[in-house]
Amino acid sequence: RNEPLKNGDIVTIDFVVNLHGALADSAWT
């Protein structure tokens, strides 16, 4: 969303890659 992250926040970015039909999934905080 269009909401600036603030000092002291944590954010988990999670996504799945499809590379020529092969999948991989990883999240990181």
PDB file of all heavy atoms in Angstrom:
ATOM      1  N   ARG A   1       0.818  -1.212   0.000  1.00  0.00           N
ATOM      2  CA  ARG A   1       0.000   0.000   0.000  1.00  0.00           C
ATOM      3  C   ARG A   1       0.856   1.268   0.000  1.00  0.00           C
ATOM      4  O   ARG A   1       2.052   1.223   0.250  1.00  0.00           O
ATOM      5  CB  ARG A   1      -0.940   0.004   1.200  1.00  0.00           C
ATOM      6  CG  ARG A   1      -0.279  -0.291   2.549  1.00  0.00           C
ATOM      7  CD  ARG A   1      -1.355  -0.695   3.548  1.00  0.00           C
ATOM      8  NE  ARG A   1      -0.877  -0.941   4.883  1.00  0.00           N
ATOM      9  CZ  ARG A   1      -0.528  -2.141   5.348  1.00  0.00           C
ATOM     10  NH1 ARG A   1      -0.564  -3.204   4.559  1.00  0.00           N
ATOM     11  NH2 ARG A   1      -0.146  -2.289   6.605  1.00  0.00           N
ATOM     12  N   ASN A   2       0.183   2.366  -0.297  1.00  0.00           N
ATOM     13  CA  ASN A   2       0.823   3.682  -0.313  1.00  0.00           C
ATOM     14  C   ASN A   2       0.839   4.262   1.095  1.00  0.00           C
ATOM     15  O   ASN A   2       0.166   5.251   1.384  1.00  0.00           O
ATOM     16  CB  ASN A   2       0.077   4.620  -1.275  1.00  0.00           C
ATOM     17  CG  ASN A   2       0.448   4.350  -2.717  1.00  0.00           C
ATOM     18  OD1 ASN A   2       1.613   4.162  -3.044  1.00  0.00           O
ATOM     19  ND2 ASN A   2      -0.542   4.316  -3.585  1.00  0.00           N
ATOM     20  N   GLU A   3       1.599   3.629   1.947  1.00  0.00           N
ATOM     21  CA  GLU A   3       1.710   4.054   3.341  1.00  0.00           C
ATOM     22  C   GLU A   3       3.189   3.935   3.727  1.00  0.00           C
ATOM     23  O   GLU A   3       3.730   2.835   3.736  1.00  0.00           O
ATOM     24  CB  GLU A   3       0.847   3.138   4.215  1.00  0.00           C
ATOM     25  CG  GLU A   3       0.897   3.436   5.698  1.00  0.00           C
ATOM     26  CD  GLU A   3       0.083   2.420   6.481  1.00  0.00           C
ATOM     27  OE1 GLU A   3      -1.087   2.176   6.106  1.00  0.00           O
ATOM     28  OE2 GLU A   3       0.619   1.861   7.452  1.00  0.00           O
ATOM     29  N   PRO A   4       3.854   5.062   4.001  1.00  0.00           N
ATOM     30  CA  PRO A   4       5.292   5.004   4.264  1.00  0.00           C
ATOM     31  C   PRO A   4       5.610   4.150   5.491  1.00  0.00           C
ATOM     32  O   PRO A   4       4.940   4.244   6.528  1.00  0.00           O
ATOM     33  CB  PRO A   4       5.673   6.465   4.510  1.00  0.00           C
ATOM     34  CG  PRO A   4       4.565   7.279   3.917  1.00  0.00           C
ATOM     35  CD  PRO A   4       3.334   6.446   4.057  1.00  0.00           C
ATOM     36  N   LEU A   5       6.622   3.295   5.361  1.00  0.00           N
ATOM     37  CA  LEU A   5       7.129   2.568   6.517  1.00  0.00           C
ATOM     38  C   LEU A   5       7.804   3.546   7.471  1.00  0.00           C
ATOM     39  O   LEU A   5       8.428   4.517   7.036  1.00  0.00           O
ATOM     40  CB  LEU A   5       8.116   1.490   6.064  1.00  0.00           C
ATOM     41  CG  LEU A   5       7.514   0.328   5.256  1.00  0.00           C
ATOM     42  CD1 LEU A   5       8.620  -0.564   4.710  1.00  0.00           C
ATOM     43  CD2 LEU A   5       6.538  -0.474   6.102  1.00  0.00           C
ATOM     44  N   LYS A   6       7.692   3.261   8.776  1.00  0.00           N
ATOM     45  CA  LYS A   6       8.224   4.166   9.794  1.00  0.00           C
ATOM     46  C   LYS A   6       9.392   3.515  10.534  1.00  0.00           C
ATOM     47  O   LYS A   6       9.502   2.287  10.604  1.00  0.00           O
ATOM     48  CB  LYS A   6       7.126   4.530  10.806  1.00  0.00           C
ATOM     49  CG  LYS A   6       5.880   5.149  10.203  1.00  0.00           C
ATOM     50  CD  LYS A   6       4.889   5.595  11.276  1.00  0.00           C
ATOM     51  CE  LYS A   6       4.406   4.462  12.166  1.00  0.00           C
ATOM     52  NZ  LYS A   6       3.642   3.431  11.453  1.00  0.00           N
ATOM     53  N   ASN A   7      10.248   4.359  11.085  1.00  0.00           N
ATOM     54  CA  ASN A   7      11.325   3.867  11.927  1.00  0.00           C
ATOM     55  C   ASN A   7      10.738   3.014  13.059  1.00  0.00           C
ATOM     56  O   ASN A   7       9.778   3.419  13.717  1.00  0.00           O
ATOM     57  CB  ASN A   7      12.099   5.045  12.519  1.00  0.00           C
ATOM     58  CG  ASN A   7      13.343   4.604  13.244  1.00  0.00           C
ATOM     59  OD1 ASN A   7      14.248   4.040  12.641  1.00  0.00           O
ATOM     60  ND2 ASN A   7      13.408   4.863  14.548  1.00  0.00           N
ATOM     61  N   GLY A   8      11.296   1.814  13.251  1.00  0.00           N
ATOM     62  CA  GLY A   8      10.798   0.919  14.292  1.00  0.00           C
ATOM     63  C   GLY A   8       9.831  -0.132  13.793  1.00  0.00           C
ATOM     64  O   GLY A   8       9.490  -1.063  14.527  1.00  0.00           O
ATOM     65  N   ASP A   9       9.343   0.010  12.540  1.00  0.00           N
ATOM     66  CA  ASP A   9       8.474  -1.007  11.941  1.00  0.00           C
ATOM     67  C   ASP A   9       9.290  -2.249  11.585  1.00  0.00           C
ATOM     68  O   ASP A   9      10.522  -2.204  11.444  1.00  0.00           O
ATOM     69  CB  ASP A   9       7.837  -0.489  10.642  1.00  0.00           C
ATOM     70  CG  ASP A   9       6.715   0.504  10.864  1.00  0.00           C
ATOM     71  OD1 ASP A   9       6.211   0.599  11.998  1.00  0.00           O
ATOM     72  OD2 ASP A   9       6.341   1.200   9.889  1.00  0.00           O
ATOM     73  N   ILE A  10       8.572  -3.357  11.374  1.00  0.00           N
ATOM     74  CA  ILE A  10       9.122  -4.500  10.640  1.00  0.00           C
ATOM     75  C   ILE A  10       8.163  -4.813   9.513  1.00  0.00           C
ATOM     76  O   ILE A  10       6.960  -4.547   9.610  1.00  0.00           O
ATOM     77  CB  ILE A  10       9.340  -5.741  11.533  1.00  0.00           C
ATOM     78  CG1 ILE A  10       8.047  -6.174  12.235  1.00  0.00           C
ATOM     79  CG2 ILE A  10      10.447  -5.489  12.545  1.00  0.00           C
ATOM     80  CD1 ILE A  10       8.165  -7.499  12.993  1.00  0.00           C
ATOM     81  N   VAL A  11       8.695  -5.378   8.425  1.00  0.00           N
ATOM     82  CA  VAL A  11       7.843  -5.718   7.290  1.00  0.00           C
ATOM     83  C   VAL A  11       8.313  -7.046   6.703  1.00  0.00           C
ATOM     84  O   VAL A  11       9.497  -7.251   6.466  1.00  0.00           O
ATOM     85  CB  VAL A  11       7.841  -4.608   6.212  1.00  0.00           C
ATOM     86  CG1 VAL A  11       9.238  -4.323   5.675  1.00  0.00           C
ATOM     87  CG2 VAL A  11       6.878  -4.949   5.077  1.00  0.00           C
ATOM     88  N   THR A  12       7.353  -7.957   6.519  1.00  0.00           N
ATOM     89  CA  THR A  12       7.642  -9.248   5.892  1.00  0.00           C
ATOM     90  C   THR A  12       7.251  -9.178   4.423  1.00  0.00           C
ATOM     91  O   THR A  12       6.093  -8.914   4.095  1.00  0.00           O
ATOM     92  CB  THR A  12       6.864 -10.382   6.572  1.00  0.00           C
ATOM     93  OG1 THR A  12       7.204 -10.431   7.955  1.00  0.00           O
ATOM     94  CG2 THR A  12       7.192 -11.726   5.926  1.00  0.00           C
ATOM     95  N   ILE A  13       8.235  -9.409   3.546  1.00  0.00           N
ATOM     96  CA  ILE A  13       8.003  -9.441   2.103  1.00  0.00           C
ATOM     97  C   ILE A  13       8.036 -10.901   1.663  1.00  0.00           C
ATOM     98  O   ILE A  13       9.040 -11.592   1.831  1.00  0.00           O
ATOM     99  CB  ILE A  13       9.062  -8.625   1.336  1.00  0.00           C
ATOM    100  CG1 ILE A  13       9.116  -7.177   1.853  1.00  0.00           C
ATOM    101  CG2 ILE A  13       8.766  -8.662  -0.165  1.00  0.00           C
ATOM    102  CD1 ILE A  13       7.851  -6.378   1.670  1.00  0.00           C
ATOM    103  N   ASP A  14       6.912 -11.352   1.103  1.00  0.00           N
ATOM    104  CA  ASP A  14       6.718 -12.758   0.753  1.00  0.00           C
ATOM    105  C   ASP A  14       6.262 -12.827  -0.700  1.00  0.00           C
ATOM    106  O   ASP A  14       5.317 -12.133  -1.087  1.00  0.00           O
ATOM    107  CB  ASP A  14       5.647 -13.354   1.683  1.00  0.00           C
ATOM    108  CG  ASP A  14       5.377 -14.828   1.441  1.00  0.00           C
ATOM    109  OD1 ASP A  14       6.131 -15.474   0.687  1.00  0.00           O
ATOM    110  OD2 ASP A  14       4.402 -15.336   2.021  1.00  0.00           O
ATOM    111  N   PHE A  15       6.942 -13.638  -1.518  1.00  0.00           N
ATOM    112  CA  PHE A  15       6.485 -13.796  -2.895  1.00  0.00           C
ATOM    113  C   PHE A  15       6.952 -15.119  -3.480  1.00  0.00           C
ATOM    114  O   PHE A  15       7.856 -15.773  -2.962  1.00  0.00           O
ATOM    115  CB  PHE A  15       6.902 -12.618  -3.781  1.00  0.00           C
ATOM    116  CG  PHE A  15       8.378 -12.336  -3.853  1.00  0.00           C
ATOM    117  CD1 PHE A  15       9.137 -12.751  -4.943  1.00  0.00           C
ATOM    118  CD2 PHE A  15       9.016 -11.620  -2.840  1.00  0.00           C
ATOM    119  CE1 PHE A  15      10.487 -12.475  -5.018  1.00  0.00           C
ATOM    120  CE2 PHE A  15      10.371 -11.328  -2.917  1.00  0.00           C
ATOM    121  CZ  PHE A  15      11.107 -11.764  -4.004  1.00  0.00           C
ATOM    122  N   VAL A  16       6.267 -15.506  -4.560  1.00  0.00           N
ATOM    123  CA  VAL A  16       6.531 -16.763  -5.256  1.00  0.00           C
ATOM    124  C   VAL A  16       6.982 -16.443  -6.672  1.00  0.00           C
ATOM    125  O   VAL A  16       6.324 -15.689  -7.387  1.00  0.00           O
ATOM    126  CB  VAL A  16       5.268 -17.648  -5.301  1.00  0.00           C
ATOM    127  CG1 VAL A  16       5.561 -18.979  -5.983  1.00  0.00           C
ATOM    128  CG2 VAL A  16       4.713 -17.871  -3.899  1.00  0.00           C
ATOM    129  N   VAL A  17       8.110 -17.022  -7.060  1.00  0.00           N
ATOM    130  CA  VAL A  17       8.657 -16.816  -8.404  1.00  0.00           C
ATOM    131  C   VAL A  17       8.269 -17.986  -9.305  1.00  0.00           C
ATOM    132  O   VAL A  17       8.391 -19.152  -8.910  1.00  0.00           O
ATOM    133  CB  VAL A  17      10.191 -16.688  -8.349  1.00  0.00           C
ATOM    134  CG1 VAL A  17      10.799 -16.755  -9.747  1.00  0.00           C
ATOM    135  CG2 VAL A  17      10.582 -15.390  -7.664  1.00  0.00           C
ATOM    136  N   ASN A  18       7.801 -17.658 -10.489  1.00  0.00           N
ATOM    137  CA  ASN A  18       7.585 -18.649 -11.537  1.00  0.00           C
ATOM    138  C   ASN A  18       8.596 -18.365 -12.642  1.00  0.00           C
ATOM    139  O   ASN A  18       8.497 -17.359 -13.352  1.00  0.00           O
ATOM    140  CB  ASN A  18       6.152 -18.566 -12.076  1.00  0.00           C
ATOM    141  CG  ASN A  18       5.872 -19.603 -13.164  1.00  0.00           C
ATOM    142  OD1 ASN A  18       6.755 -20.006 -13.904  1.00  0.00           O
ATOM    143  ND2 ASN A  18       4.615 -20.009 -13.280  1.00  0.00           N
ATOM    144  N   LEU A  19       9.589 -19.237 -12.764  1.00  0.00           N
ATOM    145  CA  LEU A  19      10.613 -19.109 -13.803  1.00  0.00           C
ATOM    146  C   LEU A  19      10.449 -20.280 -14.764  1.00  0.00           C
ATOM    147  O   LEU A  19      10.795 -21.417 -14.442  1.00  0.00           O
ATOM    148  CB  LEU A  19      12.013 -19.109 -13.183  1.00  0.00           C
ATOM    149  CG  LEU A  19      13.181 -18.956 -14.169  1.00  0.00           C
ATOM    150  CD1 LEU A  19      13.128 -17.607 -14.887  1.00  0.00           C
ATOM    151  CD2 LEU A  19      14.520 -19.146 -13.452  1.00  0.00           C
ATOM    152  N   HIS A  20       9.854 -20.000 -15.914  1.00  0.00           N
ATOM    153  CA  HIS A  20       9.629 -21.024 -16.949  1.00  0.00           C
ATOM    154  C   HIS A  20       8.860 -22.224 -16.389  1.00  0.00           C
ATOM    155  O   HIS A  20       9.162 -23.376 -16.714  1.00  0.00           O
ATOM    156  CB  HIS A  20      10.954 -21.482 -17.569  1.00  0.00           C
ATOM    157  CG  HIS A  20      11.841 -20.358 -18.004  1.00  0.00           C
ATOM    158  ND1 HIS A  20      11.402 -19.326 -18.816  1.00  0.00           N
ATOM    159  CD2 HIS A  20      13.150 -20.092 -17.723  1.00  0.00           C
ATOM    160  CE1 HIS A  20      12.410 -18.478 -19.026  1.00  0.00           C
ATOM    161  NE2 HIS A  20      13.463 -18.920 -18.368  1.00  0.00           N
ATOM    162  N   GLY A  21       7.901 -21.944 -15.513  1.00  0.00           N
ATOM    163  CA  GLY A  21       7.042 -22.994 -14.982  1.00  0.00           C
ATOM    164  C   GLY A  21       7.516 -23.608 -13.679  1.00  0.00           C
ATOM    165  O   GLY A  21       6.777 -24.366 -13.051  1.00  0.00           O
ATOM    166  N   ALA A  22       8.745 -23.305 -13.259  1.00  0.00           N
ATOM    167  CA  ALA A  22       9.268 -23.816 -11.991  1.00  0.00           C
ATOM    168  C   ALA A  22       9.042 -22.774 -10.902  1.00  0.00           C
ATOM    169  O   ALA A  22       9.300 -21.585 -11.109  1.00  0.00           O
ATOM    170  CB  ALA A  22      10.758 -24.136 -12.118  1.00  0.00           C
ATOM    171  N   LEU A  23       8.566 -23.221  -9.726  1.00  0.00           N
ATOM    172  CA  LEU A  23       8.181 -22.304  -8.655  1.00  0.00           C
ATOM    173  C   LEU A  23       9.157 -22.341  -7.485  1.00  0.00           C
ATOM    174  O   LEU A  23       9.766 -23.374  -7.196  1.00  0.00           O
ATOM    175  CB  LEU A  23       6.788 -22.646  -8.127  1.00  0.00           C
ATOM    176  CG  LEU A  23       5.622 -22.672  -9.113  1.00  0.00           C
ATOM    177  CD1 LEU A  23       4.309 -22.868  -8.355  1.00  0.00           C
ATOM    178  CD2 LEU A  23       5.576 -21.412  -9.959  1.00  0.00           C
ATOM    179  N   ALA A  24       9.259 -21.209  -6.811  1.00  0.00           N
ATOM    180  CA  ALA A  24       9.994 -21.106  -5.545  1.00  0.00           C
ATOM    181  C   ALA A  24       9.315 -20.032  -4.706  1.00  0.00           C
ATOM    182  O   ALA A  24       8.799 -19.048  -5.235  1.00  0.00           O
ATOM    183  CB  ALA A  24      11.457 -20.751  -5.787  1.00  0.00           C
ATOM    184  N   ASP A  25       9.349 -20.216  -3.377  1.00  0.00           N
ATOM    185  CA  ASP A  25       8.581 -19.379  -2.453  1.00  0.00           C
ATOM    186  C   ASP A  25       9.465 -19.037  -1.258  1.00  0.00           C
ATOM    187  O   ASP A  25      10.085 -19.926  -0.662  1.00  0.00           O
ATOM    188  CB  ASP A  25       7.352 -20.186  -1.999  1.00  0.00           C
ATOM    189  CG  ASP A  25       6.369 -19.409  -1.147  1.00  0.00           C
ATOM    190  OD1 ASP A  25       6.597 -18.214  -0.903  1.00  0.00           O
ATOM    191  OD2 ASP A  25       5.365 -20.023  -0.727  1.00  0.00           O
ATOM    192  N   SER A  26       9.550 -17.752  -0.924  1.00  0.00           N
ATOM    193  CA  SER A  26      10.364 -17.355   0.229  1.00  0.00           C
ATOM    194  C   SER A  26       9.854 -16.038   0.800  1.00  0.00           C
ATOM    195  O   SER A  26       9.465 -15.138   0.055  1.00  0.00           O
ATOM    196  CB  SER A  26      11.834 -17.204  -0.168  1.00  0.00           C
ATOM    197  OG  SER A  26      12.630 -16.789   0.917  1.00  0.00           O
ATOM    198  N   ALA A  27       9.870 -15.957   2.125  1.00  0.00           N
ATOM    199  CA  ALA A  27       9.506 -14.724   2.839  1.00  0.00           C
ATOM    200  C   ALA A  27      10.656 -14.335   3.754  1.00  0.00           C
ATOM    201  O   ALA A  27      11.382 -15.197   4.251  1.00  0.00           O
ATOM    202  CB  ALA A  27       8.232 -14.934   3.659  1.00  0.00           C
ATOM    203  N   TRP A  28      10.787 -13.033   3.988  1.00  0.00           N
ATOM    204  CA  TRP A  28      11.841 -12.517   4.861  1.00  0.00           C
ATOM    205  C   TRP A  28      11.287 -11.310   5.606  1.00  0.00           C
ATOM    206  O   TRP A  28      10.585 -10.495   5.010  1.00  0.00           O
ATOM    207  CB  TRP A  28      13.046 -12.113   4.020  1.00  0.00           C
ATOM    208  CG  TRP A  28      14.356 -12.528   4.597  1.00  0.00           C
ATOM    209  CD1 TRP A  28      15.336 -11.691   5.062  1.00  0.00           C
ATOM    210  CD2 TRP A  28      14.869 -13.848   4.758  1.00  0.00           C
ATOM    211  NE1 TRP A  28      16.422 -12.428   5.513  1.00  0.00           N
ATOM    212  CE2 TRP A  28      16.153 -13.768   5.338  1.00  0.00           C
ATOM    213  CE3 TRP A  28      14.351 -15.127   4.491  1.00  0.00           C
ATOM    214  CZ2 TRP A  28      16.930 -14.874   5.651  1.00  0.00           C
ATOM    215  CZ3 TRP A  28      15.125 -16.234   4.786  1.00  0.00           C
ATOM    216  CH2 TRP A  28      16.389 -16.096   5.358  1.00  0.00           C
ATOM    217  N   THR A  29      11.582 -11.215   6.884  1.00  0.00           N
ATOM    218  CA  THR A  29      11.158 -10.049   7.656  1.00  0.00           C
ATOM    219  C   THR A  29      12.317  -9.072   7.787  1.00  0.00           C
ATOM    220  O   THR A  29      13.424  -9.461   8.176  1.00  0.00           O
ATOM    221  CB  THR A  29      10.659 -10.458   9.053  1.00  0.00           C
ATOM    222  OG1 THR A  29       9.527 -11.328   8.903  1.00  0.00           O
ATOM    223  CG2 THR A  29      10.223  -9.233   9.853  1.00  0.00           C
TER     224      THR A  29
END
